Amino acid sequence: MALRTWGAFTAGLAVGWAGRSALGSGKELVIRGVVAMHELRELFARVGAEQVEWVEDMFAEGRARYESQRSAAAVDEDAPARVVSPEHSRAA
């Protein structure tokens, strides 16, 4: 009977050891997966922020060019008429 008890104890110890080893490595795999997900989330956030900044820059440049063209095309009705020589108009 003592031999059976020791055999059961040894078998239980081996199964417990093997189970703990398997679960421990599984835990490490899950943690590595979570770390990888955090890195991807950070990468996507950074790329997204860069794209938003690029779009804002495009709108700002477009608005500046629009304002420049609009102010250049504005006609002052109260200003006296003036004659522009051909040489002067080529320089502009």
PDB file of N, CA and C in Angstrom:
ATOM      1  N   MET A   1       0.828  -1.193   0.000  1.00  0.00           N
ATOM      2  CA  MET A   1       0.000   0.000   0.000  1.00  0.00           C
ATOM      3  C   MET A   1       0.878   1.266   0.000  1.00  0.00           C
ATOM      4  N   ALA A   2       1.978   1.241   0.698  1.00  0.00           N
ATOM      5  CA  ALA A   2       2.867   2.389   0.772  1.00  0.00           C
ATOM      6  C   ALA A   2       3.476   2.671  -0.590  1.00  0.00           C
ATOM      7  N   LEU A   3       3.767   1.632  -1.365  1.00  0.00           N
ATOM      8  CA  LEU A   3       4.330   1.807  -2.695  1.00  0.00           C
ATOM      9  C   LEU A   3       3.329   2.469  -3.629  1.00  0.00           C
ATOM     10  N   ARG A   4       2.055   2.072  -3.516  1.00  0.00           N
ATOM     11  CA  ARG A   4       1.000   2.705  -4.329  1.00  0.00           C
ATOM     12  C   ARG A   4       0.853   4.175  -3.955  1.00  0.00           C
ATOM     13  N   THR A   5       0.956   4.483  -2.688  1.00  0.00           N
ATOM     14  CA  THR A   5       0.821   5.859  -2.232  1.00  0.00           C
ATOM     15  C   THR A   5       1.976   6.703  -2.772  1.00  0.00           C
ATOM     16  N   TRP A   6       3.184   6.150  -2.687  1.00  0.00           N
ATOM     17  CA  TRP A   6       4.319   6.867  -3.227  1.00  0.00           C
ATOM     18  C   TRP A   6       4.230   7.001  -4.746  1.00  0.00           C
ATOM     19  N   GLY A   7       3.712   6.011  -5.411  1.00  0.00           N
ATOM     20  CA  GLY A   7       3.541   6.076  -6.866  1.00  0.00           C
ATOM     21  C   GLY A   7       2.523   7.143  -7.248  1.00  0.00           C
ATOM     22  N   ALA A   8       1.416   7.188  -6.482  1.00  0.00           N
ATOM     23  CA  ALA A   8       0.395   8.205  -6.744  1.00  0.00           C
ATOM     24  C   ALA A   8       0.941   9.600  -6.455  1.00  0.00           C
ATOM     25  N   PHE A   9       1.710   9.698  -5.368  1.00  0.00           N
ATOM     26  CA  PHE A   9       2.315  10.988  -5.022  1.00  0.00           C
ATOM     27  C   PHE A   9       3.279  11.442  -6.121  1.00  0.00           C
ATOM     28  N   THR A  10       4.103  10.547  -6.595  1.00  0.00           N
ATOM     29  CA  THR A  10       5.068  10.866  -7.637  1.00  0.00           C
ATOM     30  C   THR A  10       4.360  11.233  -8.941  1.00  0.00           C
ATOM     31  N   ALA A  11       3.320  10.472  -9.293  1.00  0.00           N
ATOM     32  CA  ALA A  11       2.555  10.778 -10.510  1.00  0.00           C
ATOM     33  C   ALA A  11       1.878  12.147 -10.391  1.00  0.00           C
ATOM     34  N   GLY A  12       1.318  12.434  -9.225  1.00  0.00           N
ATOM     35  CA  GLY A  12       0.684  13.736  -9.006  1.00  0.00           C
ATOM     36  C   GLY A  12       1.671  14.873  -9.083  1.00  0.00           C
ATOM     37  N   LEU A  13       2.859  14.649  -8.520  1.00  0.00           N
ATOM     38  CA  LEU A  13       3.899  15.663  -8.576  1.00  0.00           C
ATOM     39  C   LEU A  13       4.339  15.919 -10.021  1.00  0.00           C
ATOM     40  N   ALA A  14       4.500  14.834 -10.801  1.00  0.00           N
ATOM     41  CA  ALA A  14       4.916  14.972 -12.201  1.00  0.00           C
ATOM     42  C   ALA A  14       3.851  15.692 -13.019  1.00  0.00           C
ATOM     43  N   VAL A  15       2.599  15.307 -12.815  1.00  0.00           N
ATOM     44  CA  VAL A  15       1.513  15.966 -13.560  1.00  0.00           C
ATOM     45  C   VAL A  15       1.411  17.434 -13.161  1.00  0.00           C
ATOM     46  N   GLY A  16       1.536  17.742 -11.889  1.00  0.00           N
ATOM     47  CA  GLY A  16       1.496  19.126 -11.421  1.00  0.00           C
ATOM     48  C   GLY A  16       2.639  19.944 -11.989  1.00  0.00           C
ATOM     49  N   TRP A  17       3.826  19.363 -12.004  1.00  0.00           N
ATOM     50  CA  TRP A  17       4.997  20.048 -12.544  1.00  0.00           C
ATOM     51  C   TRP A  17       4.810  20.335 -14.032  1.00  0.00           C
ATOM     52  N   ALA A  18       4.357  19.318 -14.762  1.00  0.00           N
ATOM     53  CA  ALA A  18       4.140  19.487 -16.205  1.00  0.00           C
ATOM     54  C   ALA A  18       3.039  20.519 -16.481  1.00  0.00           C
ATOM     55  N   GLY A  19       1.974  20.464 -15.687  1.00  0.00           N
ATOM     56  CA  GLY A  19       0.884  21.433 -15.863  1.00  0.00           C
ATOM     57  C   GLY A  19       1.330  22.851 -15.590  1.00  0.00           C
ATOM     58  N   ARG A  20       2.112  23.021 -14.537  1.00  0.00           N
ATOM     59  CA  ARG A  20       2.596  24.361 -14.201  1.00  0.00           C
ATOM     60  C   ARG A  20       3.549  24.880 -15.277  1.00  0.00           C
ATOM     61  N   SER A  21       4.376  23.991 -15.811  1.00  0.00           N
ATOM     62  CA  SER A  21       5.280  24.397 -16.887  1.00  0.00           C
ATOM     63  C   SER A  21       4.494  24.831 -18.116  1.00  0.00           C
ATOM     64  N   ALA A  22       3.459  24.077 -18.447  1.00  0.00           N
ATOM     65  CA  ALA A  22       2.648  24.414 -19.628  1.00  0.00           C
ATOM     66  C   ALA A  22       1.901  25.725 -19.415  1.00  0.00           C
ATOM     67  N   LEU A  23       1.326  25.925 -18.247  1.00  0.00           N
ATOM     68  CA  LEU A  23       0.590  27.156 -17.975  1.00  0.00           C
ATOM     69  C   LEU A  23       1.524  28.350 -17.867  1.00  0.00           C
ATOM     70  N   GLY A  24       2.697  28.149 -17.322  1.00  0.00           N
ATOM     71  CA  GLY A  24       3.655  29.242 -17.203  1.00  0.00           C
ATOM     72  C   GLY A  24       4.086  29.740 -18.565  1.00  0.00           C
ATOM     73  N   SER A  25       4.363  28.847 -19.500  1.00  0.00           N
ATOM     74  CA  SER A  25       4.760  29.267 -20.835  1.00  0.00           C
ATOM     75  C   SER A  25       3.580  29.885 -21.583  1.00  0.00           C
ATOM     76  N   GLY A  26       2.384  29.393 -21.326  1.00  0.00           N
ATOM     77  CA  GLY A  26       1.196  30.004 -21.927  1.00  0.00           C
ATOM     78  C   GLY A  26       0.980  31.416 -21.430  1.00  0.00           C
ATOM     79  N   LYS A  27       1.252  31.631 -20.154  1.00  0.00           N
ATOM     80  CA  LYS A  27       1.115  32.964 -19.579  1.00  0.00           C
ATOM     81  C   LYS A  27       2.110  33.921 -20.239  1.00  0.00           C
ATOM     82  N   GLU A  28       3.327  33.460 -20.429  1.00  0.00           N
ATOM     83  CA  GLU A  28       4.339  34.293 -21.079  1.00  0.00           C
ATOM     84  C   GLU A  28       3.919  34.651 -22.501  1.00  0.00           C
ATOM     85  N   LEU A  29       3.334  33.693 -23.207  1.00  0.00           N
ATOM     86  CA  LEU A  29       2.866  33.932 -24.571  1.00  0.00           C
ATOM     87  C   LEU A  29       1.759  34.979 -24.592  1.00  0.00           C
ATOM     88  N   VAL A  30       0.846  34.891 -23.639  1.00  0.00           N
ATOM     89  CA  VAL A  30      -0.245  35.878 -23.559  1.00  0.00           C
ATOM     90  C   VAL A  30       0.319  37.263 -23.255  1.00  0.00           C
ATOM     91  N   ILE A  31       1.271  37.338 -22.344  1.00  0.00           N
ATOM     92  CA  ILE A  31       1.860  38.634 -21.997  1.00  0.00           C
ATOM     93  C   ILE A  31       2.587  39.231 -23.192  1.00  0.00           C
ATOM     94  N   ARG A  32       3.313  38.411 -23.941  1.00  0.00           N
ATOM     95  CA  ARG A  32       3.983  38.911 -25.145  1.00  0.00           C
ATOM     96  C   ARG A  32       2.965  39.416 -26.167  1.00  0.00           C
ATOM     97  N   GLY A  33       1.831  38.721 -26.277  1.00  0.00           N
ATOM     98  CA  GLY A  33       0.778  39.174 -27.184  1.00  0.00           C
ATOM     99  C   GLY A  33       0.199  40.518 -26.764  1.00  0.00           C
ATOM    100  N   VAL A  34       0.009  40.699 -25.464  1.00  0.00           N
ATOM    101  CA  VAL A  34      -0.522  41.971 -24.954  1.00  0.00           C
ATOM    102  C   VAL A  34       0.478  43.098 -25.205  1.00  0.00           C
ATOM    103  N   VAL A  35       1.758  42.824 -25.010  1.00  0.00           N
ATOM    104  CA  VAL A  35       2.786  43.834 -25.273  1.00  0.00           C
ATOM    105  C   VAL A  35       2.773  44.216 -26.751  1.00  0.00           C
ATOM    106  N   ALA A  36       2.665  43.219 -27.629  1.00  0.00           N
ATOM    107  CA  ALA A  36       2.624  43.497 -29.066  1.00  0.00           C
ATOM    108  C   ALA A  36       1.398  44.338 -29.430  1.00  0.00           C
ATOM    109  N   MET A  37       0.266  44.078 -28.802  1.00  0.00           N
ATOM    110  CA  MET A  37      -0.943  44.861 -29.078  1.00  0.00           C
ATOM    111  C   MET A  37      -0.755  46.319 -28.632  1.00  0.00           C
ATOM    112  N   HIS A  38      -0.112  46.526 -27.487  1.00  0.00           N
ATOM    113  CA  HIS A  38       0.151  47.898 -27.038  1.00  0.00           C
ATOM    114  C   HIS A  38       1.091  48.623 -28.006  1.00  0.00           C
ATOM    115  N   GLU A  39       2.093  47.916 -28.507  1.00  0.00           N
ATOM    116  CA  GLU A  39       3.005  48.534 -29.474  1.00  0.00           C
ATOM    117  C   GLU A  39       2.277  48.902 -30.755  1.00  0.00           C
ATOM    118  N   LEU A  40       1.388  48.028 -31.228  1.00  0.00           N
ATOM    119  CA  LEU A  40       0.611  48.331 -32.437  1.00  0.00           C
ATOM    120  C   LEU A  40      -0.323  49.519 -32.219  1.00  0.00           C
ATOM    121  N   ARG A  41      -0.947  49.561 -31.042  1.00  0.00           N
ATOM    122  CA  ARG A  41      -1.848  50.672 -30.748  1.00  0.00           C
ATOM    123  C   ARG A  41      -1.086  51.992 -30.747  1.00  0.00           C
ATOM    124  N   GLU A  42       0.105  51.988 -30.164  1.00  0.00           N
ATOM    125  CA  GLU A  42       0.925  53.194 -30.145  1.00  0.00           C
ATOM    126  C   GLU A  42       1.365  53.590 -31.552  1.00  0.00           C
ATOM    127  N   LEU A  43       1.727  52.604 -32.366  1.00  0.00           N
ATOM    128  CA  LEU A  43       2.125  52.883 -33.749  1.00  0.00           C
ATOM    129  C   LEU A  43       0.972  53.489 -34.535  1.00  0.00           C
ATOM    130  N   PHE A  44      -0.225  52.907 -34.424  1.00  0.00           N
ATOM    131  CA  PHE A  44      -1.385  53.431 -35.138  1.00  0.00           C
ATOM    132  C   PHE A  44      -1.746  54.833 -34.659  1.00  0.00           C
ATOM    133  N   ALA A  45      -1.611  55.086 -33.364  1.00  0.00           N
ATOM    134  CA  ALA A  45      -1.914  56.420 -32.844  1.00  0.00           C
ATOM    135  C   ALA A  45      -0.931  57.443 -33.407  1.00  0.00           C
ATOM    136  N   ARG A  46       0.344  57.075 -33.470  1.00  0.00           N
ATOM    137  CA  ARG A  46       1.360  57.994 -33.993  1.00  0.00           C
ATOM    138  C   ARG A  46       1.141  58.261 -35.482  1.00  0.00           C
ATOM    139  N   VAL A  47       0.878  57.209 -36.258  1.00  0.00           N
ATOM    140  CA  VAL A  47       0.648  57.377 -37.698  1.00  0.00           C
ATOM    141  C   VAL A  47      -0.621  58.195 -37.931  1.00  0.00           C
ATOM    142  N   GLY A  48      -1.652  57.923 -37.151  1.00  0.00           N
ATOM    143  CA  GLY A  48      -2.889  58.696 -37.277  1.00  0.00           C
ATOM    144  C   GLY A  48      -2.684  60.165 -36.972  1.00  0.00           C
ATOM    145  N   ALA A  49      -1.902  60.457 -35.941  1.00  0.00           N
ATOM    146  CA  ALA A  49      -1.632  61.855 -35.589  1.00  0.00           C
ATOM    147  C   ALA A  49      -0.847  62.550 -36.699  1.00  0.00           C
ATOM    148  N   GLU A  50       0.088  61.827 -37.309  1.00  0.00           N
ATOM    149  CA  GLU A  50       0.847  62.415 -38.418  1.00  0.00           C
ATOM    150  C   GLU A  50      -0.064  62.709 -39.602  1.00  0.00           C
ATOM    151  N   GLN A  51      -0.991  61.824 -39.890  1.00  0.00           N
ATOM    152  CA  GLN A  51      -1.908  62.046 -41.006  1.00  0.00           C
ATOM    153  C   GLN A  51      -2.848  63.222 -40.734  1.00  0.00           C
ATOM    154  N   VAL A  52      -3.320  63.333 -39.512  1.00  0.00           N
ATOM    155  CA  VAL A  52      -4.186  64.462 -39.154  1.00  0.00           C
ATOM    156  C   VAL A  52      -3.414  65.770 -39.297  1.00  0.00           C
ATOM    157  N   GLU A  53      -2.158  65.786 -38.851  1.00  0.00           N
ATOM    158  CA  GLU A  53      -1.340  66.988 -38.982  1.00  0.00           C
ATOM    159  C   GLU A  53      -1.117  67.340 -40.449  1.00  0.00           C
ATOM    160  N   TRP A  54      -0.888  66.327 -41.287  1.00  0.00           N
ATOM    161  CA  TRP A  54      -0.690  66.570 -42.720  1.00  0.00           C
ATOM    162  C   TRP A  54      -1.940  67.194 -43.342  1.00  0.00           C
ATOM    163  N   VAL A  55      -3.115  66.661 -43.006  1.00  0.00           N
ATOM    164  CA  VAL A  55      -4.367  67.196 -43.545  1.00  0.00           C
ATOM    165  C   VAL A  55      -4.565  68.637 -43.074  1.00  0.00           C
ATOM    166  N   GLU A  56      -4.286  68.905 -41.796  1.00  0.00           N
ATOM    167  CA  GLU A  56      -4.417  70.275 -41.289  1.00  0.00           C
ATOM    168  C   GLU A  56      -3.471  71.217 -42.019  1.00  0.00           C
ATOM    169  N   ASP A  57      -2.250  70.767 -42.304  1.00  0.00           N
ATOM    170  CA  ASP A  57      -1.300  71.595 -43.057  1.00  0.00           C
ATOM    171  C   ASP A  57      -1.814  71.883 -44.464  1.00  0.00           C
ATOM    172  N   MET A  58      -2.419  70.901 -45.116  1.00  0.00           N
ATOM    173  CA  MET A  58      -2.950  71.100 -46.465  1.00  0.00           C
ATOM    174  C   MET A  58      -4.080  72.124 -46.453  1.00  0.00           C
ATOM    175  N   PHE A  59      -4.980  72.012 -45.460  1.00  0.00           N
ATOM    176  CA  PHE A  59      -6.071  72.982 -45.364  1.00  0.00           C
ATOM    177  C   PHE A  59      -5.529  74.381 -45.077  1.00  0.00           C
ATOM    178  N   ALA A  60      -4.536  74.488 -44.220  1.00  0.00           N
ATOM    179  CA  ALA A  60      -3.969  75.797 -43.898  1.00  0.00           C
ATOM    180  C   ALA A  60      -3.286  76.413 -45.117  1.00  0.00           C
ATOM    181  N   GLU A  61      -2.538  75.606 -45.865  1.00  0.00           N
ATOM    182  CA  GLU A  61      -1.886  76.132 -47.067  1.00  0.00           C
ATOM    183  C   GLU A  61      -2.918  76.527 -48.117  1.00  0.00           C
ATOM    184  N   GLY A  62      -3.944  75.718 -48.274  1.00  0.00           N
ATOM    185  CA  GLY A  62      -5.004  76.065 -49.219  1.00  0.00           C
ATOM    186  C   GLY A  62      -5.719  77.351 -48.830  1.00  0.00           C
ATOM    187  N   ARG A  63      -5.978  77.508 -47.534  1.00  0.00           N
ATOM    188  CA  ARG A  63      -6.640  78.721 -47.058  1.00  0.00           C
ATOM    189  C   ARG A  63      -5.745  79.940 -47.287  1.00  0.00           C
ATOM    190  N   ALA A  64      -4.447  79.809 -47.050  1.00  0.00           N
ATOM    191  CA  ALA A  64      -3.519  80.916 -47.255  1.00  0.00           C
ATOM    192  C   ALA A  64      -3.460  81.307 -48.726  1.00  0.00           C
ATOM    193  N   ARG A  65      -3.404  80.330 -49.609  1.00  0.00           N
ATOM    194  CA  ARG A  65      -3.380  80.649 -51.045  1.00  0.00           C
ATOM    195  C   ARG A  65      -4.681  81.284 -51.488  1.00  0.00           C
ATOM    196  N   TYR A  66      -5.802  80.796 -50.966  1.00  0.00           N
ATOM    197  CA  TYR A  66      -7.099  81.373 -51.299  1.00  0.00           C
ATOM    198  C   TYR A  66      -7.164  82.829 -50.854  1.00  0.00           C
ATOM    199  N   GLU A  67      -6.739  83.089 -49.625  1.00  0.00           N
ATOM    200  CA  GLU A  67      -6.753  84.461 -49.114  1.00  0.00           C
ATOM    201  C   GLU A  67      -5.827  85.354 -49.937  1.00  0.00           C
ATOM    202  N   SER A  68      -4.683  84.826 -50.347  1.00  0.00           N
ATOM    203  CA  SER A  68      -3.736  85.603 -51.152  1.00  0.00           C
ATOM    204  C   SER A  68      -4.344  85.954 -52.508  1.00  0.00           C
ATOM    205  N   GLN A  69      -4.958  84.976 -53.138  1.00  0.00           N
ATOM    206  CA  GLN A  69      -5.574  85.227 -54.446  1.00  0.00           C
ATOM    207  C   GLN A  69      -6.764  86.166 -54.312  1.00  0.00           C
ATOM    208  N   ARG A  70      -7.521  86.009 -53.254  1.00  0.00           N
ATOM    209  CA  ARG A  70      -8.696  86.848 -53.051  1.00  0.00           C
ATOM    210  C   ARG A  70      -8.287  88.295 -52.805  1.00  0.00           C
ATOM    211  N   SER A  71      -7.235  88.503 -52.027  1.00  0.00           N
ATOM    212  CA  SER A  71      -6.815  89.875 -51.752  1.00  0.00           C
ATOM    213  C   SER A  71      -6.146  90.492 -52.979  1.00  0.00           C
ATOM    214  N   ALA A  72      -5.482  89.682 -53.815  1.00  0.00           N
ATOM    215  CA  ALA A  72      -4.862  90.200 -55.035  1.00  0.00           C
ATOM    216  C   ALA A  72      -5.922  90.564 -56.066  1.00  0.00           C
ATOM    217  N   ALA A  73      -7.026  89.860 -56.060  1.00  0.00           N
ATOM    218  CA  ALA A  73      -8.079  90.105 -57.044  1.00  0.00           C
ATOM    219  C   ALA A  73      -9.075  91.178 -56.590  1.00  0.00           C
ATOM    220  N   ALA A  74      -8.969  91.614 -55.356  1.00  0.00           N
ATOM    221  CA  ALA A  74      -9.920  92.607 -54.852  1.00  0.00           C
ATOM    222  C   ALA A  74      -9.699  93.939 -55.566  1.00  0.00           C
ATOM    223  N   VAL A  75     -10.793  94.571 -55.938  1.00  0.00           N
ATOM    224  CA  VAL A  75     -10.742  95.846 -56.647  1.00  0.00           C
ATOM    225  C   VAL A  75     -11.260  96.926 -55.698  1.00  0.00           C
ATOM    226  N   ASP A  76     -10.461  97.974 -55.585  1.00  0.00           N
ATOM    227  CA  ASP A  76     -10.869  99.106 -54.751  1.00  0.00           C
ATOM    228  C   ASP A  76     -11.590 100.099 -55.641  1.00  0.00           C
ATOM    229  N   GLU A  77     -12.883 100.218 -55.480  1.00  0.00           N
ATOM    230  CA  GLU A  77     -13.705 101.083 -56.321  1.00  0.00           C
ATOM    231  C   GLU A  77     -13.413 102.559 -56.084  1.00  0.00           C
ATOM    232  N   ASP A  78     -12.924 102.913 -54.920  1.00  0.00           N
ATOM    233  CA  ASP A  78     -12.674 104.318 -54.597  1.00  0.00           C
ATOM    234  C   ASP A  78     -11.304 104.792 -55.067  1.00  0.00           C
ATOM    235  N   ALA A  79     -10.437 103.892 -55.438  1.00  0.00           N
ATOM    236  CA  ALA A  79      -9.084 104.282 -55.863  1.00  0.00           C
ATOM    237  C   ALA A  79      -9.140 104.885 -57.255  1.00  0.00           C
ATOM    238  N   PRO A  80      -8.295 105.889 -57.504  1.00  0.00           N
ATOM    239  CA  PRO A  80      -8.286 106.490 -58.852  1.00  0.00           C
ATOM    240  C   PRO A  80      -7.678 105.514 -59.859  1.00  0.00           C
ATOM    241  N   ALA A  81      -8.115 105.642 -61.093  1.00  0.00           N
ATOM    242  CA  ALA A  81      -7.590 104.783 -62.159  1.00  0.00           C
ATOM    243  C   ALA A  81      -6.146 105.142 -62.425  1.00  0.00           C
ATOM    244  N   ARG A  82      -5.337 104.161 -62.756  1.00  0.00           N
ATOM    245  CA  ARG A  82      -3.937 104.449 -63.065  1.00  0.00           C
ATOM    246  C   ARG A  82      -3.544 103.649 -64.303  1.00  0.00           C
ATOM    247  N   VAL A  83      -2.573 104.158 -65.001  1.00  0.00           N
ATOM    248  CA  VAL A  83      -2.095 103.540 -66.221  1.00  0.00           C
ATOM    249  C   VAL A  83      -0.838 102.755 -65.870  1.00  0.00           C
ATOM    250  N   VAL A  84      -0.774 101.517 -66.342  1.00  0.00           N
ATOM    251  CA  VAL A  84       0.380 100.665 -66.071  1.00  0.00           C
ATOM    252  C   VAL A  84       1.106 100.466 -67.373  1.00  0.00           C
ATOM    253  N   SER A  85       2.418 100.725 -67.345  1.00  0.00           N
ATOM    254  CA  SER A  85       3.211 100.555 -68.566  1.00  0.00           C
ATOM    255  C   SER A  85       3.454  99.062 -68.798  1.00  0.00           C
ATOM    256  N   PRO A  86       3.697  98.664 -70.062  1.00  0.00           N
ATOM    257  CA  PRO A  86       3.944  97.249 -70.361  1.00  0.00           C
ATOM    258  C   PRO A  86       5.168  96.701 -69.623  1.00  0.00           C
ATOM    259  N   GLU A  87       6.207  97.507 -69.447  1.00  0.00           N
ATOM    260  CA  GLU A  87       7.400  97.034 -68.734  1.00  0.00           C
ATOM    261  C   GLU A  87       7.055  96.721 -67.269  1.00  0.00           C
ATOM    262  N   HIS A  88       6.238  97.542 -66.699  1.00  0.00           N
ATOM    263  CA  HIS A  88       5.860  97.365 -65.288  1.00  0.00           C
ATOM    264  C   HIS A  88       5.008  96.105 -65.117  1.00  0.00           C
ATOM    265  N   SER A  89       4.141  95.825 -66.062  1.00  0.00           N
ATOM    266  CA  SER A  89       3.254  94.666 -65.935  1.00  0.00           C
ATOM    267  C   SER A  89       4.020  93.356 -66.117  1.00  0.00           C
ATOM    268  N   ARG A  90       5.123  93.354 -66.919  1.00  0.00           N
ATOM    269  CA  ARG A  90       5.923  92.125 -67.081  1.00  0.00           C
ATOM    270  C   ARG A  90       6.697  91.813 -65.812  1.00  0.00           C
ATOM    271  N   ALA A  91       7.120  92.806 -65.077  1.00  0.00           N
ATOM    272  CA  ALA A  91       7.904  92.574 -63.863  1.00  0.00           C
ATOM    273  C   ALA A  91       7.050  91.961 -62.777  1.00  0.00           C
ATOM    274  N   ALA A  92       5.784  92.205 -62.793  1.00  0.00           N
ATOM    275  CA  ALA A  92       4.887  91.685 -61.757  1.00  0.00           C
ATOM    276  C   ALA A  92       4.527  90.294 -62.044  1.00  0.00           C
TER     277      ALA A  92
END
